[in-house]
Amino acid sequence: MYSHLLLAMNNGGQIVGAGAASYPSVAILSDGIGDQDLNKLIDPTAGATLREATGIDDSGQICGWGYDAAGNLVGFLLTPIK
């Protein structure tokens, strides 16, 4: 169960933001049925940690911020594979 900070919604009803079962938060995608930790949808060998999703467009692209493997603050753009 996540506590939520919901930041954006597209016309398809997908919602993005940050969620946390404990500190620190993780970037999430919610479809009204359940929440997905976006970190589980990226390559784990990259070493990135997605902390907050701040936007989603109608094609499902998600932007936000997190940290790279070296701990640097970075922006991200996730594009769904169709």
PDB file of N, CA and C in Angstrom:
ATOM      1  N   MET A   1       0.836  -1.180   0.000  1.00  0.00           N
ATOM      2  CA  MET A   1       0.000   0.000   0.000  1.00  0.00           C
ATOM      3  C   MET A   1       0.880   1.242   0.000  1.00  0.00           C
ATOM      4  N   TYR A   2       0.663   2.096  -0.974  1.00  0.00           N
ATOM      5  CA  TYR A   2       1.427   3.320  -1.108  1.00  0.00           C
ATOM      6  C   TYR A   2       0.647   4.511  -0.550  1.00  0.00           C
ATOM      7  N   SER A   3       1.364   5.482   0.015  1.00  0.00           N
ATOM      8  CA  SER A   3       0.794   6.807   0.170  1.00  0.00           C
ATOM      9  C   SER A   3       1.170   7.524  -1.125  1.00  0.00           C
ATOM     10  N   HIS A   4       0.325   8.404  -1.617  1.00  0.00           N
ATOM     11  CA  HIS A   4       0.496   8.943  -2.957  1.00  0.00           C
ATOM     12  C   HIS A   4       0.683  10.447  -2.991  1.00  0.00           C
ATOM     13  N   LEU A   5       1.464  10.874  -3.949  1.00  0.00           N
ATOM     14  CA  LEU A   5       1.538  12.255  -4.389  1.00  0.00           C
ATOM     15  C   LEU A   5       1.257  12.173  -5.881  1.00  0.00           C
ATOM     16  N   LEU A   6       0.022  12.458  -6.296  1.00  0.00           N
ATOM     17  CA  LEU A   6      -0.370  12.332  -7.694  1.00  0.00           C
ATOM     18  C   LEU A   6      -0.158  13.667  -8.387  1.00  0.00           C
ATOM     19  N   LEU A   7       0.583  13.637  -9.505  1.00  0.00           N
ATOM     20  CA  LEU A   7       1.024  14.884 -10.115  1.00  0.00           C
ATOM     21  C   LEU A   7       0.456  15.161 -11.498  1.00  0.00           C
ATOM     22  N   ALA A   8       0.087  14.140 -12.258  1.00  0.00           N
ATOM     23  CA  ALA A   8      -0.403  14.379 -13.614  1.00  0.00           C
ATOM     24  C   ALA A   8      -1.291  13.227 -14.061  1.00  0.00           C
ATOM     25  N   MET A   9      -2.215  13.548 -14.994  1.00  0.00           N
ATOM     26  CA  MET A   9      -3.097  12.529 -15.542  1.00  0.00           C
ATOM     27  C   MET A   9      -3.277  12.799 -17.031  1.00  0.00           C
ATOM     28  N   ASN A  10      -3.343  11.723 -17.825  1.00  0.00           N
ATOM     29  CA  ASN A  10      -3.603  11.899 -19.250  1.00  0.00           C
ATOM     30  C   ASN A  10      -5.078  11.651 -19.546  1.00  0.00           C
ATOM     31  N   ASN A  11      -5.469  11.816 -20.803  1.00  0.00           N
ATOM     32  CA  ASN A  11      -6.866  11.642 -21.186  1.00  0.00           C
ATOM     33  C   ASN A  11      -7.331  10.196 -21.097  1.00  0.00           C
ATOM     34  N   GLY A  12      -6.401   9.249 -21.003  1.00  0.00           N
ATOM     35  CA  GLY A  12      -6.741   7.838 -20.854  1.00  0.00           C
ATOM     36  C   GLY A  12      -6.964   7.434 -19.399  1.00  0.00           C
ATOM     37  N   GLY A  13      -6.803   8.382 -18.476  1.00  0.00           N
ATOM     38  CA  GLY A  13      -7.016   8.099 -17.064  1.00  0.00           C
ATOM     39  C   GLY A  13      -5.804   7.549 -16.340  1.00  0.00           C
ATOM     40  N   GLN A  14      -4.654   7.493 -17.006  1.00  0.00           N
ATOM     41  CA  GLN A  14      -3.426   7.062 -16.336  1.00  0.00           C
ATOM     42  C   GLN A  14      -2.901   8.225 -15.501  1.00  0.00           C
ATOM     43  N   ILE A  15      -2.470   7.910 -14.285  1.00  0.00           N
ATOM     44  CA  ILE A  15      -2.006   8.930 -13.344  1.00  0.00           C
ATOM     45  C   ILE A  15      -0.583   8.597 -12.929  1.00  0.00           C
ATOM     46  N   VAL A  16       0.264   9.614 -12.849  1.00  0.00           N
ATOM     47  CA  VAL A  16       1.641   9.414 -12.397  1.00  0.00           C
ATOM     48  C   VAL A  16       1.934  10.308 -11.207  1.00  0.00           C
ATOM     49  N   GLY A  17       2.962   9.942 -10.477  1.00  0.00           N
ATOM     50  CA  GLY A  17       3.386  10.721  -9.332  1.00  0.00           C
ATOM     51  C   GLY A  17       4.454   9.987  -8.560  1.00  0.00           C
ATOM     52  N   ALA A  18       4.366  10.105  -7.249  1.00  0.00           N
ATOM     53  CA  ALA A  18       5.316   9.438  -6.358  1.00  0.00           C
ATOM     54  C   ALA A  18       4.512   8.694  -5.309  1.00  0.00           C
ATOM     55  N   GLY A  19       5.027   7.570  -4.910  1.00  0.00           N
ATOM     56  CA  GLY A  19       4.363   6.786  -3.881  1.00  0.00           C
ATOM     57  C   GLY A  19       5.401   6.181  -2.966  1.00  0.00           C
ATOM     58  N   ALA A  20       4.991   5.926  -1.749  1.00  0.00           N
ATOM     59  CA  ALA A  20       5.942   5.350  -0.799  1.00  0.00           C
ATOM     60  C   ALA A  20       5.212   4.469   0.201  1.00  0.00           C
ATOM     61  N   ALA A  21       5.727   3.279   0.357  1.00  0.00           N
ATOM     62  CA  ALA A  21       5.297   2.428   1.465  1.00  0.00           C
ATOM     63  C   ALA A  21       6.143   2.814   2.675  1.00  0.00           C
ATOM     64  N   SER A  22       7.318   3.367   2.404  1.00  0.00           N
ATOM     65  CA  SER A  22       8.233   3.913   3.401  1.00  0.00           C
ATOM     66  C   SER A  22       9.120   4.909   2.666  1.00  0.00           C
ATOM     67  N   TYR A  23       9.993   5.604   3.362  1.00  0.00           N
ATOM     68  CA  TYR A  23      10.893   6.556   2.724  1.00  0.00           C
ATOM     69  C   TYR A  23      12.051   5.805   2.090  1.00  0.00           C
ATOM     70  N   PRO A  24      12.575   6.154   0.949  1.00  0.00           N
ATOM     71  CA  PRO A  24      12.193   7.251   0.069  1.00  0.00           C
ATOM     72  C   PRO A  24      11.087   6.837  -0.900  1.00  0.00           C
ATOM     73  N   SER A  25      10.526   7.809  -1.575  1.00  0.00           N
ATOM     74  CA  SER A  25       9.442   7.543  -2.518  1.00  0.00           C
ATOM     75  C   SER A  25       9.990   6.966  -3.816  1.00  0.00           C
ATOM     76  N   VAL A  26       9.080   6.407  -4.608  1.00  0.00           N
ATOM     77  CA  VAL A  26       9.405   5.896  -5.935  1.00  0.00           C
ATOM     78  C   VAL A  26       8.398   6.460  -6.927  1.00  0.00           C
ATOM     79  N   ALA A  27       8.812   6.580  -8.186  1.00  0.00           N
ATOM     80  CA  ALA A  27       7.921   7.030  -9.248  1.00  0.00           C
ATOM     81  C   ALA A  27       6.888   5.942  -9.501  1.00  0.00           C
ATOM     82  N   ILE A  28       5.630   6.358  -9.626  1.00  0.00           N
ATOM     83  CA  ILE A  28       4.558   5.375  -9.830  1.00  0.00           C
ATOM     84  C   ILE A  28       3.673   5.754 -11.006  1.00  0.00           C
ATOM     85  N   LEU A  29       3.025   4.726 -11.543  1.00  0.00           N
ATOM     86  CA  LEU A  29       1.985   4.850 -12.550  1.00  0.00           C
ATOM     87  C   LEU A  29       0.766   4.161 -11.978  1.00  0.00           C
ATOM     88  N   SER A  30      -0.360   4.864 -11.967  1.00  0.00           N
ATOM     89  CA  SER A  30      -1.600   4.295 -11.456  1.00  0.00           C
ATOM     90  C   SER A  30      -2.630   4.300 -12.577  1.00  0.00           C
ATOM     91  N   ASP A  31      -3.323   3.186 -12.716  1.00  0.00           N
ATOM     92  CA  ASP A  31      -4.335   3.081 -13.761  1.00  0.00           C
ATOM     93  C   ASP A  31      -5.745   3.017 -13.186  1.00  0.00           C
ATOM     94  N   GLY A  32      -5.894   3.330 -11.915  1.00  0.00           N
ATOM     95  CA  GLY A  32      -7.191   3.279 -11.268  1.00  0.00           C
ATOM     96  C   GLY A  32      -7.493   1.928 -10.645  1.00  0.00           C
ATOM     97  N   ILE A  33      -6.731   0.912 -11.017  1.00  0.00           N
ATOM     98  CA  ILE A  33      -6.896  -0.434 -10.457  1.00  0.00           C
ATOM     99  C   ILE A  33      -5.763  -0.739  -9.488  1.00  0.00           C
ATOM    100  N   GLY A  34      -4.560  -0.334  -9.863  1.00  0.00           N
ATOM    101  CA  GLY A  34      -3.396  -0.597  -9.029  1.00  0.00           C
ATOM    102  C   GLY A  34      -2.262   0.340  -9.383  1.00  0.00           C
ATOM    103  N   ASP A  35      -1.216   0.276  -8.595  1.00  0.00           N
ATOM    104  CA  ASP A  35      -0.039   1.114  -8.794  1.00  0.00           C
ATOM    105  C   ASP A  35       1.121   0.262  -9.283  1.00  0.00           C
ATOM    106  N   GLN A  36       1.930   0.840 -10.169  1.00  0.00           N
ATOM    107  CA  GLN A  36       3.154   0.189 -10.617  1.00  0.00           C
ATOM    108  C   GLN A  36       4.333   1.064 -10.248  1.00  0.00           C
ATOM    109  N   ASP A  37       5.332   0.461  -9.626  1.00  0.00           N
ATOM    110  CA  ASP A  37       6.601   1.121  -9.371  1.00  0.00           C
ATOM    111  C   ASP A  37       7.330   1.174 -10.708  1.00  0.00           C
ATOM    112  N   LEU A  38       7.582   2.367 -11.239  1.00  0.00           N
ATOM    113  CA  LEU A  38       8.227   2.494 -12.543  1.00  0.00           C
ATOM    114  C   LEU A  38       9.642   1.937 -12.555  1.00  0.00           C
ATOM    115  N   ASN A  39      10.275   1.814 -11.406  1.00  0.00           N
ATOM    116  CA  ASN A  39      11.607   1.227 -11.341  1.00  0.00           C
ATOM    117  C   ASN A  39      11.601  -0.236 -11.775  1.00  0.00           C
ATOM    118  N   LYS A  40      10.459  -0.889 -11.674  1.00  0.00           N
ATOM    119  CA  LYS A  40      10.353  -2.296 -12.088  1.00  0.00           C
ATOM    120  C   LYS A  40      10.167  -2.441 -13.585  1.00  0.00           C
ATOM    121  N   LEU A  41      10.017  -1.315 -14.288  1.00  0.00           N
ATOM    122  CA  LEU A  41       9.814  -1.346 -15.731  1.00  0.00           C
ATOM    123  C   LEU A  41      11.053  -0.929 -16.517  1.00  0.00           C
ATOM    124  N   ILE A  42      12.143  -0.594 -15.819  1.00  0.00           N
ATOM    125  CA  ILE A  42      13.376  -0.188 -16.498  1.00  0.00           C
ATOM    126  C   ILE A  42      14.453  -1.245 -16.267  1.00  0.00           C
ATOM    127  N   ASP A  43      15.508  -1.165 -17.056  1.00  0.00           N
ATOM    128  CA  ASP A  43      16.622  -2.113 -16.961  1.00  0.00           C
ATOM    129  C   ASP A  43      17.332  -1.939 -15.616  1.00  0.00           C
ATOM    130  N   PRO A  44      17.315  -2.966 -14.757  1.00  0.00           N
ATOM    131  CA  PRO A  44      17.946  -2.833 -13.442  1.00  0.00           C
ATOM    132  C   PRO A  44      19.464  -2.676 -13.497  1.00  0.00           C
ATOM    133  N   THR A  45      20.086  -3.082 -14.604  1.00  0.00           N
ATOM    134  CA  THR A  45      21.538  -2.953 -14.684  1.00  0.00           C
ATOM    135  C   THR A  45      21.985  -1.505 -14.900  1.00  0.00           C
ATOM    136  N   ALA A  46      21.044  -0.612 -15.232  1.00  0.00           N
ATOM    137  CA  ALA A  46      21.391   0.799 -15.424  1.00  0.00           C
ATOM    138  C   ALA A  46      21.737   1.474 -14.100  1.00  0.00           C
ATOM    139  N   GLY A  47      21.226   0.939 -13.009  1.00  0.00           N
ATOM    140  CA  GLY A  47      21.527   1.503 -11.700  1.00  0.00           C
ATOM    141  C   GLY A  47      20.754   2.762 -11.371  1.00  0.00           C
ATOM    142  N   ALA A  48      19.780   3.134 -12.195  1.00  0.00           N
ATOM    143  CA  ALA A  48      18.992   4.343 -11.960  1.00  0.00           C
ATOM    144  C   ALA A  48      17.894   4.062 -10.939  1.00  0.00           C
ATOM    145  N   THR A  49      17.493   5.109 -10.238  1.00  0.00           N
ATOM    146  CA  THR A  49      16.369   5.046  -9.309  1.00  0.00           C
ATOM    147  C   THR A  49      15.417   6.180  -9.653  1.00  0.00           C
ATOM    148  N   LEU A  50      14.213   5.840 -10.067  1.00  0.00           N
ATOM    149  CA  LEU A  50      13.210   6.836 -10.439  1.00  0.00           C
ATOM    150  C   LEU A  50      12.425   7.208  -9.188  1.00  0.00           C
ATOM    151  N   ARG A  51      12.429   8.482  -8.818  1.00  0.00           N
ATOM    152  CA  ARG A  51      11.813   8.927  -7.563  1.00  0.00           C
ATOM    153  C   ARG A  51      10.444   9.572  -7.736  1.00  0.00           C
ATOM    154  N   GLU A  52      10.241  10.315  -8.835  1.00  0.00           N
ATOM    155  CA  GLU A  52       8.972  11.009  -9.001  1.00  0.00           C
ATOM    156  C   GLU A  52       8.659  11.168 -10.487  1.00  0.00           C
ATOM    157  N   ALA A  53       7.475  10.751 -10.891  1.00  0.00           N
ATOM    158  CA  ALA A  53       6.990  10.977 -12.250  1.00  0.00           C
ATOM    159  C   ALA A  53       6.151  12.251 -12.219  1.00  0.00           C
ATOM    160  N   THR A  54       6.484  13.197 -13.081  1.00  0.00           N
ATOM    161  CA  THR A  54       5.843  14.507 -13.022  1.00  0.00           C
ATOM    162  C   THR A  54       4.892  14.784 -14.176  1.00  0.00           C
ATOM    163  N   GLY A  55       4.908  13.943 -15.211  1.00  0.00           N
ATOM    164  CA  GLY A  55       4.021  14.165 -16.338  1.00  0.00           C
ATOM    165  C   GLY A  55       3.802  12.906 -17.149  1.00  0.00           C
ATOM    166  N   ILE A  56       2.644  12.850 -17.823  1.00  0.00           N
ATOM    167  CA  ILE A  56       2.330  11.744 -18.729  1.00  0.00           C
ATOM    168  C   ILE A  56       1.494  12.309 -19.869  1.00  0.00           C
ATOM    169  N   ASP A  57       1.847  11.936 -21.106  1.00  0.00           N
ATOM    170  CA  ASP A  57       1.056  12.410 -22.235  1.00  0.00           C
ATOM    171  C   ASP A  57       0.090  11.322 -22.690  1.00  0.00           C
ATOM    172  N   ASP A  58      -0.705  11.643 -23.698  1.00  0.00           N
ATOM    173  CA  ASP A  58      -1.733  10.708 -24.139  1.00  0.00           C
ATOM    174  C   ASP A  58      -1.178   9.482 -24.865  1.00  0.00           C
ATOM    175  N   SER A  59       0.098   9.510 -25.260  1.00  0.00           N
ATOM    176  CA  SER A  59       0.717   8.318 -25.852  1.00  0.00           C
ATOM    177  C   SER A  59       1.375   7.444 -24.782  1.00  0.00           C
ATOM    178  N   GLY A  60       1.332   7.890 -23.520  1.00  0.00           N
ATOM    179  CA  GLY A  60       1.879   7.103 -22.414  1.00  0.00           C
ATOM    180  C   GLY A  60       3.312   7.426 -22.052  1.00  0.00           C
ATOM    181  N   GLN A  61       3.922   8.422 -22.703  1.00  0.00           N
ATOM    182  CA  GLN A  61       5.282   8.821 -22.322  1.00  0.00           C
ATOM    183  C   GLN A  61       5.242   9.486 -20.958  1.00  0.00           C
ATOM    184  N   ILE A  62       6.194   9.094 -20.110  1.00  0.00           N
ATOM    185  CA  ILE A  62       6.249   9.580 -18.734  1.00  0.00           C
ATOM    186  C   ILE A  62       7.572  10.297 -18.509  1.00  0.00           C
ATOM    187  N   CYS A  63       7.520  11.492 -17.927  1.00  0.00           N
ATOM    188  CA  CYS A  63       8.741  12.211 -17.571  1.00  0.00           C
ATOM    189  C   CYS A  63       8.794  12.373 -16.058  1.00  0.00           C
ATOM    190  N   GLY A  64       9.988  12.617 -15.560  1.00  0.00           N
ATOM    191  CA  GLY A  64      10.158  12.808 -14.135  1.00  0.00           C
ATOM    192  C   GLY A  64      11.616  12.965 -13.774  1.00  0.00           C
ATOM    193  N   TRP A  65      11.924  12.683 -12.514  1.00  0.00           N
ATOM    194  CA  TRP A  65      13.303  12.810 -12.043  1.00  0.00           C
ATOM    195  C   TRP A  65      13.660  11.646 -11.131  1.00  0.00           C
ATOM    196  N   GLY A  66      14.968  11.459 -11.011  1.00  0.00           N
ATOM    197  CA  GLY A  66      15.495  10.395 -10.161  1.00  0.00           C
ATOM    198  C   GLY A  66      17.000  10.547 -10.049  1.00  0.00           C
ATOM    199  N   TYR A  67      17.676   9.440  -9.811  1.00  0.00           N
ATOM    200  CA  TYR A  67      19.129   9.456  -9.639  1.00  0.00           C
ATOM    201  C   TYR A  67      19.764   8.404 -10.526  1.00  0.00           C
ATOM    202  N   ASP A  68      20.928   8.739 -11.100  1.00  0.00           N
ATOM    203  CA  ASP A  68      21.664   7.754 -11.877  1.00  0.00           C
ATOM    204  C   ASP A  68      22.501   6.887 -10.938  1.00  0.00           C
ATOM    205  N   ALA A  69      23.265   5.959 -11.506  1.00  0.00           N
ATOM    206  CA  ALA A  69      24.045   5.016 -10.706  1.00  0.00           C
ATOM    207  C   ALA A  69      25.069   5.703  -9.810  1.00  0.00           C
ATOM    208  N   ALA A  70      25.531   6.897 -10.208  1.00  0.00           N
ATOM    209  CA  ALA A  70      26.527   7.639  -9.423  1.00  0.00           C
ATOM    210  C   ALA A  70      25.882   8.533  -8.367  1.00  0.00           C
ATOM    211  N   GLY A  71      24.555   8.557  -8.318  1.00  0.00           N
ATOM    212  CA  GLY A  71      23.868   9.382  -7.334  1.00  0.00           C
ATOM    213  C   GLY A  71      23.565  10.789  -7.803  1.00  0.00           C
ATOM    214  N   ASN A  72      23.770  11.063  -9.092  1.00  0.00           N
ATOM    215  CA  ASN A  72      23.478  12.383  -9.641  1.00  0.00           C
ATOM    216  C   ASN A  72      21.990  12.520  -9.936  1.00  0.00           C
ATOM    217  N   LEU A  73      21.451  13.691  -9.668  1.00  0.00           N
ATOM    218  CA  LEU A  73      20.059  13.991  -9.986  1.00  0.00           C
ATOM    219  C   LEU A  73      19.914  14.092 -11.501  1.00  0.00           C
ATOM    220  N   VAL A  74      18.954  13.349 -12.070  1.00  0.00           N
ATOM    221  CA  VAL A  74      18.739  13.343 -13.518  1.00  0.00           C
ATOM    222  C   VAL A  74      17.251  13.352 -13.837  1.00  0.00           C
ATOM    223  N   GLY A  75      16.926  13.839 -15.020  1.00  0.00           N
ATOM    224  CA  GLY A  75      15.573  13.741 -15.536  1.00  0.00           C
ATOM    225  C   GLY A  75      15.444  12.463 -16.342  1.00  0.00           C
ATOM    226  N   PHE A  76      14.204  11.992 -16.511  1.00  0.00           N
ATOM    227  CA  PHE A  76      13.993  10.805 -17.340  1.00  0.00           C
ATOM    228  C   PHE A  76      12.769  10.980 -18.226  1.00  0.00           C
ATOM    229  N   LEU A  77      12.761  10.231 -19.314  1.00  0.00           N
ATOM    230  CA  LEU A  77      11.621  10.120 -20.213  1.00  0.00           C
ATOM    231  C   LEU A  77      11.460   8.639 -20.527  1.00  0.00           C
ATOM    232  N   LEU A  78      10.331   8.070 -20.154  1.00  0.00           N
ATOM    233  CA  LEU A  78      10.036   6.676 -20.464  1.00  0.00           C
ATOM    234  C   LEU A  78       9.031   6.643 -21.602  1.00  0.00           C
ATOM    235  N   THR A  79       9.302   5.818 -22.591  1.00  0.00           N
ATOM    236  CA  THR A  79       8.413   5.657 -23.736  1.00  0.00           C
ATOM    237  C   THR A  79       7.930   4.218 -23.775  1.00  0.00           C
ATOM    238  N   PRO A  80       6.595   4.007 -23.788  1.00  0.00           N
ATOM    239  CA  PRO A  80       6.086   2.640 -23.800  1.00  0.00           C
ATOM    240  C   PRO A  80       6.466   1.906 -25.080  1.00  0.00           C
ATOM    241  N   ILE A  81       6.710   0.626 -24.964  1.00  0.00           N
ATOM    242  CA  ILE A  81       6.955  -0.235 -26.116  1.00  0.00           C
ATOM    243  C   ILE A  81       5.610  -0.763 -26.574  1.00  0.00           C
ATOM    244  N   LYS A  82       5.297  -0.563 -27.822  1.00  0.00           N
ATOM    245  CA  LYS A  82       3.982  -0.994 -28.333  1.00  0.00           C
ATOM    246  C   LYS A  82       4.117  -2.124 -29.290  1.00  0.00           C
TER     247      LYS A  82
END
